[in-house]
Amino acid sequence: MAIINAFYSKHPRAQRYHTSTKCGPGSEIPKKNKMQGRGGLKHCTECAKLNKESR
């Protein structure tokens, strides 16, 4: 698993940004909807957990 640059969905209902290649919700975002950065959103709890476990 890799920690990657933050990304989020440009979908108006997006609530979290993602930073893990193994994150389920993050991997479901279609490539056309992925935006780089945090988008002013909170960090995904699954990504935070996966990132912590990988250290």
N, C-alpha and C. Protein backbone atom coordinates (compact mmCIF):
# COMPACT_ATOMS: atom_id res chain seq x y z
N MET A 1 0.83 -1.18 0.00
CA MET A 1 0.00 0.00 0.00
C MET A 1 0.87 1.24 0.00
N ALA A 2 0.41 2.24 -0.67
CA ALA A 2 1.18 3.47 -0.76
C ALA A 2 0.38 4.66 -0.29
N ILE A 3 1.07 5.56 0.37
CA ILE A 3 0.49 6.86 0.71
C ILE A 3 0.73 7.74 -0.51
N ILE A 4 -0.33 8.34 -1.01
CA ILE A 4 -0.25 9.11 -2.25
C ILE A 4 -0.67 10.56 -2.00
N ASN A 5 -0.48 11.40 -3.00
CA ASN A 5 -0.93 12.79 -2.91
C ASN A 5 -2.44 12.81 -2.73
N ALA A 6 -2.92 13.74 -1.95
CA ALA A 6 -4.34 13.84 -1.65
C ALA A 6 -5.16 14.07 -2.92
N PHE A 7 -6.34 13.46 -2.92
CA PHE A 7 -7.30 13.68 -4.00
C PHE A 7 -8.71 13.58 -3.43
N TYR A 8 -9.67 14.12 -4.16
CA TYR A 8 -11.06 14.08 -3.75
C TYR A 8 -11.93 14.01 -4.98
N SER A 9 -13.21 13.76 -4.77
CA SER A 9 -14.16 13.72 -5.88
C SER A 9 -14.73 15.12 -6.10
N LYS A 10 -14.88 15.49 -7.35
CA LYS A 10 -15.49 16.79 -7.64
C LYS A 10 -17.02 16.73 -7.55
N HIS A 11 -17.55 15.57 -7.18
CA HIS A 11 -18.99 15.42 -6.99
C HIS A 11 -19.44 16.36 -5.87
N PRO A 12 -20.54 17.06 -6.05
CA PRO A 12 -20.98 18.04 -5.05
C PRO A 12 -21.23 17.45 -3.65
N ARG A 13 -21.48 16.16 -3.56
CA ARG A 13 -21.77 15.54 -2.26
C ARG A 13 -20.52 14.94 -1.60
N ALA A 14 -19.36 15.14 -2.19
CA ALA A 14 -18.11 14.61 -1.62
C ALA A 14 -17.90 15.22 -0.23
N GLN A 15 -17.45 14.37 0.71
CA GLN A 15 -17.26 14.84 2.07
C GLN A 15 -15.84 14.62 2.60
N ARG A 16 -15.00 13.85 1.90
CA ARG A 16 -13.68 13.50 2.39
C ARG A 16 -12.65 13.53 1.26
N TYR A 17 -11.39 13.78 1.62
CA TYR A 17 -10.30 13.60 0.67
C TYR A 17 -9.57 12.31 1.02
N HIS A 18 -8.84 11.76 0.09
CA HIS A 18 -8.21 10.45 0.23
C HIS A 18 -6.71 10.51 0.00
N THR A 19 -5.98 9.57 0.65
CA THR A 19 -4.52 9.54 0.53
C THR A 19 -3.95 8.12 0.49
N SER A 20 -4.80 7.12 0.26
CA SER A 20 -4.34 5.73 0.26
C SER A 20 -4.80 5.00 -1.00
N THR A 21 -3.92 4.19 -1.56
CA THR A 21 -4.28 3.39 -2.74
C THR A 21 -5.21 2.24 -2.39
N LYS A 22 -5.30 1.89 -1.12
CA LYS A 22 -6.13 0.76 -0.68
C LYS A 22 -7.50 1.18 -0.12
N CYS A 23 -7.80 2.45 -0.15
CA CYS A 23 -9.06 2.95 0.39
C CYS A 23 -10.23 2.54 -0.52
N GLY A 24 -11.23 1.87 0.06
CA GLY A 24 -12.39 1.45 -0.71
C GLY A 24 -13.15 2.61 -1.33
N PRO A 25 -13.61 3.55 -0.50
CA PRO A 25 -14.36 4.69 -1.07
C PRO A 25 -13.53 5.52 -2.06
N GLY A 26 -12.26 5.68 -1.78
CA GLY A 26 -11.39 6.44 -2.69
C GLY A 26 -11.22 5.75 -4.03
N SER A 27 -11.13 4.43 -4.00
CA SER A 27 -10.93 3.68 -5.25
C SER A 27 -12.19 3.63 -6.10
N GLU A 28 -13.33 3.97 -5.52
CA GLU A 28 -14.59 3.98 -6.27
C GLU A 28 -14.83 5.28 -7.03
N ILE A 29 -13.99 6.28 -6.81
CA ILE A 29 -14.16 7.56 -7.50
C ILE A 29 -13.69 7.40 -8.95
N PRO A 30 -14.56 7.64 -9.92
CA PRO A 30 -14.15 7.54 -11.32
C PRO A 30 -13.02 8.53 -11.63
N LYS A 31 -12.09 8.10 -12.47
CA LYS A 31 -10.93 8.93 -12.81
C LYS A 31 -11.34 10.33 -13.28
N LYS A 32 -12.42 10.40 -14.03
CA LYS A 32 -12.87 11.70 -14.57
C LYS A 32 -13.34 12.65 -13.46
N ASN A 33 -13.65 12.12 -12.27
CA ASN A 33 -14.12 12.94 -11.16
C ASN A 33 -13.05 13.24 -10.12
N LYS A 34 -11.85 12.67 -10.29
CA LYS A 34 -10.78 12.88 -9.30
C LYS A 34 -10.12 14.23 -9.49
N MET A 35 -9.97 14.93 -8.37
CA MET A 35 -9.32 16.22 -8.35
C MET A 35 -8.15 16.14 -7.37
N GLN A 36 -7.03 16.75 -7.71
CA GLN A 36 -5.88 16.75 -6.80
C GLN A 36 -6.10 17.76 -5.68
N GLY A 37 -5.59 17.40 -4.51
CA GLY A 37 -5.67 18.28 -3.35
C GLY A 37 -6.69 17.79 -2.35
N ARG A 38 -6.98 18.66 -1.40
CA ARG A 38 -7.88 18.32 -0.31
C ARG A 38 -9.28 18.90 -0.49
N GLY A 39 -9.41 19.88 -1.31
CA GLY A 39 -10.71 20.46 -1.61
C GLY A 39 -11.45 21.04 -0.41
N GLY A 40 -10.72 21.35 0.67
CA GLY A 40 -11.36 21.89 1.86
C GLY A 40 -12.16 20.84 2.63
N LEU A 41 -11.93 19.57 2.32
CA LEU A 41 -12.68 18.47 2.95
C LEU A 41 -11.88 17.85 4.09
N LYS A 42 -12.55 17.04 4.90
CA LYS A 42 -11.89 16.31 5.99
C LYS A 42 -11.20 15.07 5.42
N HIS A 43 -10.18 14.59 6.13
CA HIS A 43 -9.44 13.40 5.72
C HIS A 43 -10.33 12.17 5.90
N CYS A 44 -10.32 11.28 4.95
CA CYS A 44 -11.06 10.03 5.01
C CYS A 44 -10.55 9.19 6.19
N THR A 45 -11.44 8.69 7.02
CA THR A 45 -11.02 7.92 8.19
C THR A 45 -10.38 6.60 7.79
N GLU A 46 -10.85 5.98 6.72
CA GLU A 46 -10.24 4.73 6.25
C GLU A 46 -8.81 4.97 5.78
N CYS A 47 -8.59 6.04 5.03
CA CYS A 47 -7.24 6.39 4.59
C CYS A 47 -6.32 6.65 5.77
N ALA A 48 -6.81 7.40 6.75
CA ALA A 48 -6.00 7.71 7.93
C ALA A 48 -5.59 6.43 8.64
N LYS A 49 -6.51 5.50 8.77
CA LYS A 49 -6.21 4.22 9.43
C LYS A 49 -5.19 3.42 8.63
N LEU A 50 -5.40 3.32 7.32
CA LEU A 50 -4.49 2.57 6.46
C LEU A 50 -3.09 3.18 6.46
N ASN A 51 -3.01 4.50 6.42
CA ASN A 51 -1.72 5.19 6.42
C ASN A 51 -0.99 4.94 7.74
N LYS A 52 -1.72 4.97 8.84
CA LYS A 52 -1.11 4.75 10.15
C LYS A 52 -0.55 3.32 10.25
N GLU A 53 -1.29 2.35 9.73
CA GLU A 53 -0.88 0.95 9.78
C GLU A 53 0.36 0.68 8.92
N SER A 54 0.55 1.48 7.88
CA SER A 54 1.66 1.24 6.96
C SER A 54 2.98 1.81 7.46
N ARG A 55 2.95 2.59 8.51
CA ARG A 55 4.19 3.22 9.02
C ARG A 55 4.94 2.31 9.93
